[in-house]
Amino acid sequence: MLVKADLSNAEELLPIQHRAFAALYETYQDQYNPAIESMDYFQSRFA
C-alpha cells in the first residue's frame, strides 16, 4: 500500500531526490535541478 509523504518524511526523501538527480546535474549544471534543492525549499512544497 502506498502512503502519501508528508513534511515528517522530508529528511529521508531529500537525500533520495539528490541522488536521483545528481547525474543530470553533473551534465547540465542548471540552477533549478532538484539535486541541489535546499531542505527549506523542499519542505515548502509540502506546505
PDB file of N, CA and C in Angstrom:
ATOM      1  N   MET A   1       0.842  -1.176   0.000  1.00  0.00           N
ATOM      2  CA  MET A   1       0.000   0.000   0.000  1.00  0.00           C
ATOM      3  C   MET A   1       0.892   1.246   0.000  1.00  0.00           C
ATOM      4  N   LEU A   2       0.554   2.203  -0.835  1.00  0.00           N
ATOM      5  CA  LEU A   2       1.272   3.471  -0.877  1.00  0.00           C
ATOM      6  C   LEU A   2       0.684   4.437   0.136  1.00  0.00           C
ATOM      7  N   VAL A   3       1.569   5.188   0.762  1.00  0.00           N
ATOM      8  CA  VAL A   3       1.147   6.199   1.724  1.00  0.00           C
ATOM      9  C   VAL A   3       1.734   7.529   1.265  1.00  0.00           C
ATOM     10  N   LYS A   4       0.908   8.556   1.213  1.00  0.00           N
ATOM     11  CA  LYS A   4       1.366   9.870   0.780  1.00  0.00           C
ATOM     12  C   LYS A   4       2.410  10.420   1.751  1.00  0.00           C
ATOM     13  N   ALA A   5       3.508  10.911   1.200  1.00  0.00           N
ATOM     14  CA  ALA A   5       4.559  11.509   2.024  1.00  0.00           C
ATOM     15  C   ALA A   5       4.080  12.845   2.573  1.00  0.00           C
ATOM     16  N   ASP A   6       4.605  13.192   3.731  1.00  0.00           N
ATOM     17  CA  ASP A   6       4.296  14.495   4.309  1.00  0.00           C
ATOM     18  C   ASP A   6       5.579  15.126   4.843  1.00  0.00           C
ATOM     19  N   LEU A   7       5.441  16.251   5.487  1.00  0.00           N
ATOM     20  CA  LEU A   7       6.590  17.013   5.960  1.00  0.00           C
ATOM     21  C   LEU A   7       7.509  16.198   6.871  1.00  0.00           C
ATOM     22  N   SER A   8       6.960  15.272   7.621  1.00  0.00           N
ATOM     23  CA  SER A   8       7.783  14.468   8.530  1.00  0.00           C
ATOM     24  C   SER A   8       8.742  13.538   7.780  1.00  0.00           C
ATOM     25  N   ASN A   9       8.521  13.320   6.502  1.00  0.00           N
ATOM     26  CA  ASN A   9       9.374  12.450   5.693  1.00  0.00           C
ATOM     27  C   ASN A   9      10.477  13.203   4.955  1.00  0.00           C
ATOM     28  N   ALA A  10      10.516  14.510   5.086  1.00  0.00           N
ATOM     29  CA  ALA A  10      11.429  15.335   4.292  1.00  0.00           C
ATOM     30  C   ALA A  10      12.892  14.957   4.486  1.00  0.00           C
ATOM     31  N   GLU A  11      13.318  14.699   5.703  1.00  0.00           N
ATOM     32  CA  GLU A  11      14.731  14.384   5.943  1.00  0.00           C
ATOM     33  C   GLU A  11      15.144  13.070   5.292  1.00  0.00           C
ATOM     34  N   GLU A  12      14.212  12.160   5.103  1.00  0.00           N
ATOM     35  CA  GLU A  12      14.505  10.898   4.426  1.00  0.00           C
ATOM     36  C   GLU A  12      14.447  11.054   2.909  1.00  0.00           C
ATOM     37  N   LEU A  13      13.533  11.879   2.431  1.00  0.00           N
ATOM     38  CA  LEU A  13      13.291  11.982   0.994  1.00  0.00           C
ATOM     39  C   LEU A  13      14.269  12.883   0.254  1.00  0.00           C
ATOM     40  N   LEU A  14      14.723  13.946   0.877  1.00  0.00           N
ATOM     41  CA  LEU A  14      15.616  14.871   0.175  1.00  0.00           C
ATOM     42  C   LEU A  14      16.914  14.200  -0.284  1.00  0.00           C
ATOM     43  N   PRO A  15      17.591  13.406   0.537  1.00  0.00           N
ATOM     44  CA  PRO A  15      18.796  12.731   0.041  1.00  0.00           C
ATOM     45  C   PRO A  15      18.508  11.771  -1.123  1.00  0.00           C
ATOM     46  N   ILE A  16      17.344  11.147  -1.116  1.00  0.00           N
ATOM     47  CA  ILE A  16      16.961  10.270  -2.228  1.00  0.00           C
ATOM     48  C   ILE A  16      16.810  11.096  -3.498  1.00  0.00           C
ATOM     49  N   GLN A  17      16.162  12.244  -3.367  1.00  0.00           N
ATOM     50  CA  GLN A  17      15.992  13.136  -4.517  1.00  0.00           C
ATOM     51  C   GLN A  17      17.343  13.613  -5.027  1.00  0.00           C
ATOM     52  N   HIS A  18      18.233  13.987  -4.134  1.00  0.00           N
ATOM     53  CA  HIS A  18      19.561  14.456  -4.542  1.00  0.00           C
ATOM     54  C   HIS A  18      20.303  13.374  -5.322  1.00  0.00           C
ATOM     55  N   ARG A  19      20.269  12.141  -4.834  1.00  0.00           N
ATOM     56  CA  ARG A  19      20.939  11.043  -5.540  1.00  0.00           C
ATOM     57  C   ARG A  19      20.296  10.778  -6.898  1.00  0.00           C
ATOM     58  N   ALA A  20      18.976  10.840  -6.957  1.00  0.00           N
ATOM     59  CA  ALA A  20      18.263  10.535  -8.196  1.00  0.00           C
ATOM     60  C   ALA A  20      18.577  11.541  -9.307  1.00  0.00           C
ATOM     61  N   PHE A  21      18.811  12.795  -8.953  1.00  0.00           N
ATOM     62  CA  PHE A  21      19.027  13.828  -9.962  1.00  0.00           C
ATOM     63  C   PHE A  21      20.490  14.241 -10.105  1.00  0.00           C
ATOM     64  N   ALA A  22      21.391  13.612  -9.377  1.00  0.00           N
ATOM     65  CA  ALA A  22      22.801  14.010  -9.392  1.00  0.00           C
ATOM     66  C   ALA A  22      23.430  13.904 -10.776  1.00  0.00           C
ATOM     67  N   ALA A  23      23.162  12.837 -11.499  1.00  0.00           N
ATOM     68  CA  ALA A  23      23.762  12.668 -12.830  1.00  0.00           C
ATOM     69  C   ALA A  23      23.300  13.762 -13.788  1.00  0.00           C
ATOM     70  N   LEU A  24      22.035  14.114 -13.723  1.00  0.00           N
ATOM     71  CA  LEU A  24      21.531  15.193 -14.585  1.00  0.00           C
ATOM     72  C   LEU A  24      22.166  16.526 -14.215  1.00  0.00           C
ATOM     73  N   TYR A  25      22.379  16.738 -12.921  1.00  0.00           N
ATOM     74  CA  TYR A  25      23.012  17.986 -12.501  1.00  0.00           C
ATOM     75  C   TYR A  25      24.457  18.052 -12.997  1.00  0.00           C
ATOM     76  N   GLU A  26      25.168  16.938 -12.917  1.00  0.00           N
ATOM     77  CA  GLU A  26      26.550  16.913 -13.401  1.00  0.00           C
ATOM     78  C   GLU A  26      26.617  17.250 -14.885  1.00  0.00           C
ATOM     79  N   THR A  27      25.634  16.795 -15.635  1.00  0.00           N
ATOM     80  CA  THR A  27      25.609  17.047 -17.073  1.00  0.00           C
ATOM     81  C   THR A  27      25.237  18.483 -17.405  1.00  0.00           C
ATOM     82  N   TYR A  28      24.169  18.987 -16.794  1.00  0.00           N
ATOM     83  CA  TYR A  28      23.603  20.267 -17.217  1.00  0.00           C
ATOM     84  C   TYR A  28      23.920  21.450 -16.305  1.00  0.00           C
ATOM     85  N   GLN A  29      24.281  21.203 -15.054  1.00  0.00           N
ATOM     86  CA  GLN A  29      24.647  22.262 -14.105  1.00  0.00           C
ATOM     87  C   GLN A  29      23.615  23.397 -14.042  1.00  0.00           C
ATOM     88  N   ASP A  30      22.335  23.052 -14.114  1.00  0.00           N
ATOM     89  CA  ASP A  30      21.309  24.092 -14.088  1.00  0.00           C
ATOM     90  C   ASP A  30      20.917  24.435 -12.655  1.00  0.00           C
ATOM     91  N   GLN A  31      20.505  25.660 -12.445  1.00  0.00           N
ATOM     92  CA  GLN A  31      20.220  26.152 -11.097  1.00  0.00           C
ATOM     93  C   GLN A  31      18.908  25.643 -10.522  1.00  0.00           C
ATOM     94  N   TYR A  32      18.057  25.036 -11.343  1.00  0.00           N
ATOM     95  CA  TYR A  32      16.753  24.573 -10.871  1.00  0.00           C
ATOM     96  C   TYR A  32      16.694  23.059 -10.696  1.00  0.00           C
ATOM     97  N   ASN A  33      17.814  22.405 -10.807  1.00  0.00           N
ATOM     98  CA  ASN A  33      17.843  20.956 -10.704  1.00  0.00           C
ATOM     99  C   ASN A  33      17.498  20.516  -9.282  1.00  0.00           C
ATOM    100  N   PRO A  34      16.646  19.504  -9.131  1.00  0.00           N
ATOM    101  CA  PRO A  34      16.287  19.004  -7.803  1.00  0.00           C
ATOM    102  C   PRO A  34      17.472  18.437  -7.010  1.00  0.00           C
ATOM    103  N   ALA A  35      18.584  18.163  -7.672  1.00  0.00           N
ATOM    104  CA  ALA A  35      19.760  17.635  -6.980  1.00  0.00           C
ATOM    105  C   ALA A  35      20.394  18.654  -6.047  1.00  0.00           C
ATOM    106  N   ILE A  36      20.091  19.926  -6.244  1.00  0.00           N
ATOM    107  CA  ILE A  36      20.686  20.961  -5.388  1.00  0.00           C
ATOM    108  C   ILE A  36      19.629  21.717  -4.592  1.00  0.00           C
ATOM    109  N   GLU A  37      18.447  21.153  -4.516  1.00  0.00           N
ATOM    110  CA  GLU A  37      17.349  21.794  -3.790  1.00  0.00           C
ATOM    111  C   GLU A  37      17.648  21.817  -2.290  1.00  0.00           C
ATOM    112  N   SER A  38      17.391  22.936  -1.665  1.00  0.00           N
ATOM    113  CA  SER A  38      17.624  23.065  -0.224  1.00  0.00           C
ATOM    114  C   SER A  38      16.497  22.399   0.564  1.00  0.00           C
ATOM    115  N   MET A  39      16.780  22.092   1.812  1.00  0.00           N
ATOM    116  CA  MET A  39      15.761  21.494   2.680  1.00  0.00           C
ATOM    117  C   MET A  39      14.587  22.458   2.863  1.00  0.00           C
ATOM    118  N   ASP A  40      14.876  23.742   3.009  1.00  0.00           N
ATOM    119  CA  ASP A  40      13.801  24.726   3.191  1.00  0.00           C
ATOM    120  C   ASP A  40      12.839  24.726   2.008  1.00  0.00           C
ATOM    121  N   TYR A  41      13.386  24.746   0.797  1.00  0.00           N
ATOM    122  CA  TYR A  41      12.527  24.754  -0.388  1.00  0.00           C
ATOM    123  C   TYR A  41      11.773  23.431  -0.513  1.00  0.00           C
ATOM    124  N   PHE A  42      12.470  22.343  -0.260  1.00  0.00           N
ATOM    125  CA  PHE A  42      11.852  21.018  -0.328  1.00  0.00           C
ATOM    126  C   PHE A  42      10.670  20.936   0.635  1.00  0.00           C
ATOM    127  N   GLN A  43      10.872  21.397   1.853  1.00  0.00           N
ATOM    128  CA  GLN A  43       9.798  21.367   2.848  1.00  0.00           C
ATOM    129  C   GLN A  43       8.651  22.297   2.471  1.00  0.00           C
ATOM    130  N   SER A  44       8.943  23.402   1.818  1.00  0.00           N
ATOM    131  CA  SER A  44       7.877  24.339   1.441  1.00  0.00           C
ATOM    132  C   SER A  44       6.920  23.722   0.431  1.00  0.00           C
ATOM    133  N   ARG A  45       7.376  22.760  -0.321  1.00  0.00           N
ATOM    134  CA  ARG A  45       6.497  22.108  -1.295  1.00  0.00           C
ATOM    135  C   ARG A  45       5.467  21.203  -0.620  1.00  0.00           C
ATOM    136  N   PHE A  46       5.681  20.850   0.628  1.00  0.00           N
ATOM    137  CA  PHE A  46       4.717  20.031   1.368  1.00  0.00           C
ATOM    138  C   PHE A  46       3.660  20.884   2.058  1.00  0.00           C
ATOM    139  N   ALA A  47       3.922  22.173   2.197  1.00  0.00           N
ATOM    140  CA  ALA A  47       3.002  23.059   2.927  1.00  0.00           C
ATOM    141  C   ALA A  47       1.766  23.387   2.125  1.00  0.00           C
TER     142      ALA A  47
END
